[in-house]
N, C-alpha and C. Protein backbone atom coordinates (compact mmCIF):
# COMPACT_ATOMS: atom_id res chain seq x y z
N MET A 1 43.36 -40.44 -25.12
CA MET A 1 42.92 -39.23 -24.03
C MET A 1 42.83 -38.28 -24.81
N THR A 2 41.78 -37.55 -24.68
CA THR A 2 41.44 -36.22 -25.30
C THR A 2 41.79 -35.25 -24.33
N SER A 3 42.50 -34.27 -24.88
CA SER A 3 42.59 -32.90 -24.15
C SER A 3 41.70 -31.95 -23.92
N ARG A 4 41.62 -31.38 -22.93
CA ARG A 4 40.54 -30.55 -22.84
C ARG A 4 41.15 -29.02 -22.81
N LYS A 5 40.27 -27.91 -23.69
CA LYS A 5 40.58 -26.97 -23.86
C LYS A 5 40.00 -26.02 -22.54
N ARG A 6 40.73 -25.02 -22.09
CA ARG A 6 40.45 -23.95 -20.86
C ARG A 6 39.73 -23.18 -21.49
N VAL A 7 38.79 -22.62 -21.05
CA VAL A 7 38.07 -21.36 -21.32
C VAL A 7 38.11 -20.22 -20.42
N ARG A 8 38.43 -19.26 -20.53
CA ARG A 8 38.42 -18.20 -19.58
C ARG A 8 37.32 -17.30 -19.80
N ALA A 9 36.55 -17.33 -18.63
CA ALA A 9 35.45 -16.37 -18.80
C ALA A 9 35.84 -15.05 -17.79
N GLU A 10 35.39 -13.88 -18.56
CA GLU A 10 35.29 -12.47 -18.01
C GLU A 10 34.32 -12.38 -17.22
N PRO A 11 34.17 -11.54 -15.80
CA PRO A 11 32.85 -11.40 -15.49
C PRO A 11 32.05 -10.48 -16.10
N TYR A 12 30.81 -10.52 -15.89
CA TYR A 12 30.07 -9.55 -16.87
C TYR A 12 29.95 -8.13 -16.04
N SER A 13 30.38 -7.10 -17.00
CA SER A 13 30.40 -5.89 -16.80
C SER A 13 29.48 -4.87 -17.32
N GLY A 14 28.37 -5.40 -18.12
CA GLY A 14 27.40 -4.52 -18.73
C GLY A 14 26.62 -4.14 -17.85
N PRO A 15 25.36 -3.48 -18.42
CA PRO A 15 24.40 -2.85 -17.44
C PRO A 15 23.61 -4.08 -16.56
N GLU A 16 23.25 -3.58 -15.41
CA GLU A 16 22.65 -4.29 -14.62
C GLU A 16 20.88 -4.57 -15.29
N LEU A 17 20.69 -5.66 -15.23
CA LEU A 17 19.38 -5.80 -15.89
C LEU A 17 18.45 -6.81 -14.72
N LYS A 18 17.24 -6.20 -14.24
CA LYS A 18 16.14 -7.07 -13.43
C LYS A 18 15.51 -8.04 -14.05
N GLY A 19 15.46 -9.33 -13.81
CA GLY A 19 14.49 -10.18 -14.11
C GLY A 19 13.90 -11.19 -13.21
N ILE A 20 12.89 -11.77 -13.56
CA ILE A 20 12.22 -12.74 -12.91
C ILE A 20 12.16 -14.14 -13.35
N ASP A 21 11.70 -15.09 -12.71
CA ASP A 21 11.15 -16.13 -13.46
C ASP A 21 9.84 -16.60 -12.54
N VAL A 22 8.95 -17.31 -13.32
CA VAL A 22 7.79 -17.66 -12.89
C VAL A 22 7.27 -18.86 -13.27
N SER A 23 6.38 -19.41 -12.41
CA SER A 23 5.67 -21.04 -12.63
C SER A 23 4.56 -20.86 -11.86
N HIS A 24 3.76 -22.08 -12.04
CA HIS A 24 2.51 -22.19 -11.42
C HIS A 24 2.91 -21.74 -10.07
N TRP A 25 3.77 -21.93 -9.34
CA TRP A 25 4.13 -21.61 -7.63
C TRP A 25 3.73 -20.28 -7.50
N GLN A 26 3.95 -19.34 -8.43
CA GLN A 26 3.44 -18.09 -7.95
C GLN A 26 2.02 -17.82 -8.70
N THR A 27 0.99 -17.73 -7.54
CA THR A 27 -0.37 -17.82 -7.77
C THR A 27 -1.08 -16.90 -8.78
N SER A 28 -0.24 -15.93 -8.47
CA SER A 28 -0.66 -14.46 -9.10
C SER A 28 0.59 -13.53 -9.53
N VAL A 29 0.42 -13.04 -10.77
CA VAL A 29 1.48 -12.28 -11.31
C VAL A 29 0.75 -11.12 -11.90
N ASP A 30 1.01 -9.74 -11.75
CA ASP A 30 0.78 -8.85 -12.12
C ASP A 30 1.68 -8.21 -13.10
N PHE A 31 1.77 -8.60 -14.31
CA PHE A 31 2.99 -8.24 -15.40
C PHE A 31 3.04 -6.74 -15.44
N ASP A 32 1.84 -5.99 -15.30
CA ASP A 32 1.90 -4.65 -15.62
C ASP A 32 2.60 -4.05 -14.44
N ARG A 33 2.64 -4.31 -13.33
CA ARG A 33 3.16 -3.71 -12.17
C ARG A 33 4.46 -4.14 -12.09
N VAL A 34 5.05 -5.38 -12.44
CA VAL A 34 6.02 -5.94 -12.70
C VAL A 34 7.15 -5.10 -13.60
N ALA A 35 6.33 -4.70 -14.89
CA ALA A 35 7.29 -3.87 -15.82
C ALA A 35 7.52 -2.42 -15.01
N VAL A 36 6.41 -1.91 -13.96
CA VAL A 36 6.68 -0.48 -13.61
C VAL A 36 7.62 -0.72 -12.42
N ASP A 37 7.95 -1.84 -11.82
CA ASP A 37 9.07 -2.08 -10.83
C ASP A 37 10.44 -2.26 -11.62
N GLY A 38 10.52 -2.06 -12.99
CA GLY A 38 11.96 -2.13 -13.53
C GLY A 38 12.09 -3.50 -13.99
N VAL A 39 11.47 -4.49 -13.98
CA VAL A 39 11.83 -5.91 -14.38
C VAL A 39 11.68 -5.75 -15.91
N SER A 40 13.15 -6.07 -16.75
CA SER A 40 12.94 -6.22 -17.87
C SER A 40 12.95 -7.43 -18.76
N PHE A 41 12.85 -8.37 -18.13
CA PHE A 41 12.88 -9.62 -18.75
C PHE A 41 12.31 -10.77 -17.57
N CYS A 42 11.53 -11.93 -18.12
CA CYS A 42 11.03 -12.87 -17.36
C CYS A 42 11.24 -14.20 -18.21
N TYR A 43 11.81 -15.28 -17.51
CA TYR A 43 11.51 -16.40 -18.06
C TYR A 43 10.54 -17.15 -17.12
N VAL A 44 9.61 -17.76 -18.12
CA VAL A 44 8.47 -18.29 -17.69
C VAL A 44 8.43 -19.97 -17.93
N ARG A 45 8.26 -20.72 -16.58
CA ARG A 45 8.44 -22.30 -16.87
C ARG A 45 7.59 -22.91 -18.05
N ALA A 46 8.04 -23.73 -18.64
CA ALA A 46 6.79 -24.16 -19.91
C ALA A 46 6.58 -25.60 -19.32
N ALA A 47 7.47 -26.13 -18.62
CA ALA A 47 7.32 -27.57 -18.10
C ALA A 47 8.02 -28.03 -17.32
N ASP A 48 7.81 -29.01 -16.35
CA ASP A 48 8.41 -29.79 -15.58
C ASP A 48 8.77 -31.59 -15.91
N GLY A 49 9.84 -31.73 -16.45
CA GLY A 49 9.77 -33.15 -16.86
C GLY A 49 8.89 -33.65 -17.74
N LYS A 50 7.73 -34.03 -17.40
CA LYS A 50 6.81 -34.56 -18.61
C LYS A 50 5.25 -33.65 -18.56
N ASP A 51 5.13 -32.88 -17.24
CA ASP A 51 4.21 -32.13 -17.15
C ASP A 51 4.27 -30.64 -17.82
N ILE A 52 3.37 -30.34 -18.34
CA ILE A 52 3.29 -28.63 -19.12
C ILE A 52 2.65 -27.77 -17.99
N ASP A 53 3.30 -26.91 -17.49
CA ASP A 53 2.98 -25.98 -16.97
C ASP A 53 1.66 -25.24 -17.11
N ALA A 54 0.58 -25.29 -16.24
CA ALA A 54 -0.67 -24.78 -16.80
C ALA A 54 -0.88 -23.25 -16.94
N THR A 55 0.27 -22.72 -16.36
CA THR A 55 0.09 -21.21 -16.68
C THR A 55 0.88 -20.55 -17.68
N PHE A 56 1.75 -21.58 -18.22
CA PHE A 56 2.82 -20.91 -19.19
C PHE A 56 2.14 -20.16 -20.47
N LYS A 57 1.14 -20.57 -21.29
CA LYS A 57 0.93 -19.91 -22.38
C LYS A 57 0.26 -18.39 -21.91
N LYS A 58 -0.61 -18.50 -20.94
CA LYS A 58 -1.08 -17.32 -20.51
C LYS A 58 0.07 -16.26 -19.92
N ARG A 59 0.96 -16.85 -19.22
CA ARG A 59 2.07 -15.85 -18.70
C ARG A 59 2.86 -15.39 -19.90
N TYR A 60 3.12 -16.21 -20.64
CA TYR A 60 4.17 -16.01 -21.87
C TYR A 60 3.79 -14.94 -22.73
N ARG A 61 2.44 -14.86 -22.92
CA ARG A 61 1.45 -13.68 -23.79
C ARG A 61 1.41 -12.49 -22.60
N GLU A 62 1.43 -12.61 -21.53
CA GLU A 62 1.00 -11.38 -20.43
C GLU A 62 2.57 -10.65 -20.64
N CYS A 63 3.67 -11.32 -20.71
CA CYS A 63 4.95 -10.85 -20.78
C CYS A 63 5.00 -9.96 -21.81
N ARG A 64 4.65 -10.48 -22.98
CA ARG A 64 4.41 -9.66 -24.30
C ARG A 64 3.91 -8.34 -24.13
N ARG A 65 2.42 -8.57 -23.79
CA ARG A 65 1.46 -7.48 -23.60
C ARG A 65 2.10 -6.52 -22.69
N ALA A 66 3.20 -6.62 -21.72
CA ALA A 66 3.10 -5.51 -20.42
C ALA A 66 4.62 -5.12 -21.14
N GLY A 67 5.19 -5.60 -22.16
CA GLY A 67 6.45 -5.17 -22.90
C GLY A 67 7.65 -5.31 -22.24
N ILE A 68 7.47 -6.84 -21.72
CA ILE A 68 8.62 -7.47 -20.81
C ILE A 68 9.26 -8.26 -21.88
N ARG A 69 10.53 -8.43 -21.82
CA ARG A 69 11.19 -9.44 -22.76
C ARG A 69 11.31 -10.71 -22.00
N ARG A 70 10.54 -11.91 -22.83
CA ARG A 70 10.25 -13.00 -22.36
C ARG A 70 11.11 -14.30 -22.93
N GLY A 71 11.19 -15.09 -21.98
CA GLY A 71 12.16 -16.68 -22.50
C GLY A 71 11.10 -17.86 -21.61
N ALA A 72 11.29 -18.60 -22.16
CA ALA A 72 10.87 -20.05 -21.71
C ALA A 72 11.93 -20.94 -21.11
N TYR A 73 11.63 -21.70 -20.28
CA TYR A 73 12.71 -22.56 -19.58
C TYR A 73 11.81 -23.98 -19.15
N ILE A 74 12.56 -25.02 -18.98
CA ILE A 74 12.09 -26.29 -18.78
C ILE A 74 12.89 -26.90 -17.61
N TYR A 75 12.21 -27.36 -16.76
CA TYR A 75 12.86 -28.08 -15.54
C TYR A 75 13.14 -29.59 -16.06
N ILE A 76 14.25 -29.84 -16.39
CA ILE A 76 14.43 -31.09 -16.84
C ILE A 76 14.79 -32.02 -15.97
N ARG A 77 14.27 -33.41 -16.11
CA ARG A 77 14.79 -34.43 -15.13
C ARG A 77 15.79 -35.37 -15.75
N ALA A 78 16.88 -35.41 -15.00
CA ALA A 78 17.99 -36.20 -15.51
C ALA A 78 17.69 -37.62 -15.71
N ASP A 79 16.83 -38.10 -14.87
CA ASP A 79 16.46 -39.51 -15.08
C ASP A 79 15.42 -39.70 -16.00
N ARG A 80 15.07 -38.86 -16.65
CA ARG A 80 14.24 -39.03 -17.84
C ARG A 80 14.70 -38.90 -19.00
N ASP A 81 13.96 -39.02 -20.39
CA ASP A 81 14.65 -38.65 -21.64
C ASP A 81 15.00 -37.36 -21.80
N GLY A 82 15.97 -36.83 -22.11
CA GLY A 82 16.39 -35.50 -22.38
C GLY A 82 15.81 -35.07 -23.55
N GLU A 83 15.83 -35.71 -24.48
CA GLU A 83 15.28 -35.34 -25.91
C GLU A 83 14.13 -35.07 -25.89
N THR A 84 13.33 -36.00 -25.34
CA THR A 84 11.82 -35.87 -25.49
C THR A 84 11.29 -34.58 -24.34
N GLN A 85 12.14 -34.23 -23.56
CA GLN A 85 11.95 -32.96 -22.53
C GLN A 85 12.29 -31.93 -23.43
N ALA A 86 13.17 -31.85 -24.06
CA ALA A 86 13.54 -30.80 -24.72
C ALA A 86 12.66 -30.32 -26.14
N LYS A 87 12.23 -31.52 -26.91
CA LYS A 87 11.22 -31.47 -27.84
C LYS A 87 9.96 -30.93 -27.16
N ARG A 88 9.37 -31.17 -26.08
CA ARG A 88 8.13 -30.87 -25.48
C ARG A 88 8.52 -29.00 -25.48
N LEU A 89 9.60 -28.75 -25.08
CA LEU A 89 9.60 -27.42 -24.89
C LEU A 89 9.54 -26.77 -26.18
N LEU A 90 10.29 -26.97 -27.24
CA LEU A 90 10.40 -26.66 -28.58
C LEU A 90 8.99 -26.52 -28.98
N ASN A 91 8.23 -27.84 -29.10
CA ASN A 91 6.82 -27.78 -29.56
C ASN A 91 6.13 -26.70 -28.75
N LEU A 92 6.09 -26.53 -27.63
CA LEU A 92 5.35 -25.51 -26.83
C LEU A 92 5.78 -24.07 -27.50
N LEU A 93 6.86 -23.84 -27.70
CA LEU A 93 7.54 -22.47 -28.44
C LEU A 93 7.14 -22.20 -29.59
N ASP A 94 6.64 -23.32 -30.43
CA ASP A 94 6.15 -23.28 -31.65
C ASP A 94 4.74 -22.95 -31.76
N GLU A 95 4.09 -23.24 -30.78
CA GLU A 95 2.80 -22.60 -30.61
C GLU A 95 2.61 -21.21 -30.36
N MET A 96 3.48 -20.60 -29.62
CA MET A 96 3.57 -19.28 -29.46
C MET A 96 4.06 -18.14 -30.55
N ASP A 97 3.82 -17.05 -30.23
CA ASP A 97 4.03 -16.15 -31.64
C ASP A 97 5.33 -15.58 -31.30
N ALA A 98 6.51 -15.93 -31.59
CA ALA A 98 7.73 -15.43 -31.40
C ALA A 98 7.95 -13.92 -32.04
N ASP A 99 8.55 -13.14 -31.19
CA ASP A 99 8.85 -11.96 -31.93
C ASP A 99 10.17 -11.47 -31.42
N GLY A 100 10.73 -10.36 -31.46
CA GLY A 100 11.84 -9.62 -31.03
C GLY A 100 11.90 -9.61 -29.64
N MET A 101 10.79 -9.86 -28.83
CA MET A 101 11.06 -9.87 -27.48
C MET A 101 11.33 -11.32 -26.68
N ASP A 102 11.62 -12.30 -27.63
CA ASP A 102 11.89 -13.54 -27.24
C ASP A 102 13.25 -13.64 -26.95
N LEU A 103 13.55 -14.37 -25.65
CA LEU A 103 15.03 -14.80 -25.09
C LEU A 103 14.95 -16.17 -25.57
N VAL A 104 16.49 -16.74 -25.37
CA VAL A 104 16.72 -18.19 -25.99
C VAL A 104 16.13 -19.00 -24.71
N PRO A 105 15.55 -20.20 -25.14
CA PRO A 105 15.07 -21.06 -23.81
C PRO A 105 16.28 -21.48 -23.20
N ALA A 106 15.82 -21.74 -21.83
CA ALA A 106 16.87 -22.13 -20.98
C ALA A 106 16.30 -23.38 -20.24
N VAL A 107 17.31 -23.86 -19.58
CA VAL A 107 17.12 -25.16 -18.81
C VAL A 107 17.39 -25.06 -17.50
N ASP A 108 16.71 -25.70 -16.81
CA ASP A 108 16.90 -25.99 -15.20
C ASP A 108 17.00 -27.32 -14.93
N LEU A 109 18.28 -27.76 -14.92
CA LEU A 109 18.46 -29.45 -14.92
C LEU A 109 18.86 -29.83 -13.48
N GLU A 110 17.99 -30.86 -13.00
CA GLU A 110 17.90 -31.36 -11.83
C GLU A 110 18.41 -32.81 -12.35
N ARG A 111 18.90 -33.33 -11.28
CA ARG A 111 19.55 -34.64 -10.88
C ARG A 111 18.53 -35.93 -11.05
N LYS A 112 17.57 -35.90 -10.53
CA LYS A 112 16.46 -36.81 -10.43
C LYS A 112 15.19 -36.29 -10.03
N SER A 113 14.16 -37.04 -10.24
CA SER A 113 12.84 -36.54 -9.86
C SER A 113 12.68 -36.18 -8.31
N GLY A 114 12.25 -34.81 -7.84
CA GLY A 114 12.23 -34.62 -6.43
C GLY A 114 13.69 -34.33 -5.80
N LYS A 115 14.55 -34.27 -6.51
CA LYS A 115 15.89 -34.22 -5.96
C LYS A 115 16.48 -32.77 -6.85
N ASN A 116 17.25 -31.97 -6.08
CA ASN A 116 17.92 -31.02 -6.82
C ASN A 116 19.45 -31.47 -6.92
N LEU A 117 20.26 -30.71 -7.57
CA LEU A 117 21.79 -31.33 -7.75
C LEU A 117 22.47 -31.45 -6.38
N ASN A 118 21.98 -30.81 -5.49
CA ASN A 118 22.78 -30.82 -4.04
C ASN A 118 22.05 -31.95 -3.20
N GLY A 119 21.17 -32.76 -3.89
CA GLY A 119 20.74 -34.10 -3.15
C GLY A 119 19.53 -33.81 -2.25
N GLY A 120 19.20 -32.34 -2.13
CA GLY A 120 18.17 -32.18 -1.11
C GLY A 120 16.62 -32.02 -1.69
């Protein structure tokens, strides 16, 4: 039996940052206006399981142009091969021009296709 090490996490106490996430579900995003509204970072969905988000590349570039820190995320399906899905995200990011405004990639983990972790 392996022992588990407990990790204690303190609540975040730094400055408040305003951010958004976007995907093809947001039909129109004005990143200049978003920046004026005080949004300092944006995560853009790169893919959903096997399907690449058709708006990813354009919106990822628009974040940079508007001066918004940007990151990419993938909506991972737990009933599909995780390594393949993660490689899809990394391959997409290789095509983009990384710079000091890029955030670490993120994952939205889902239990199975069409179901969230709460089963809904």
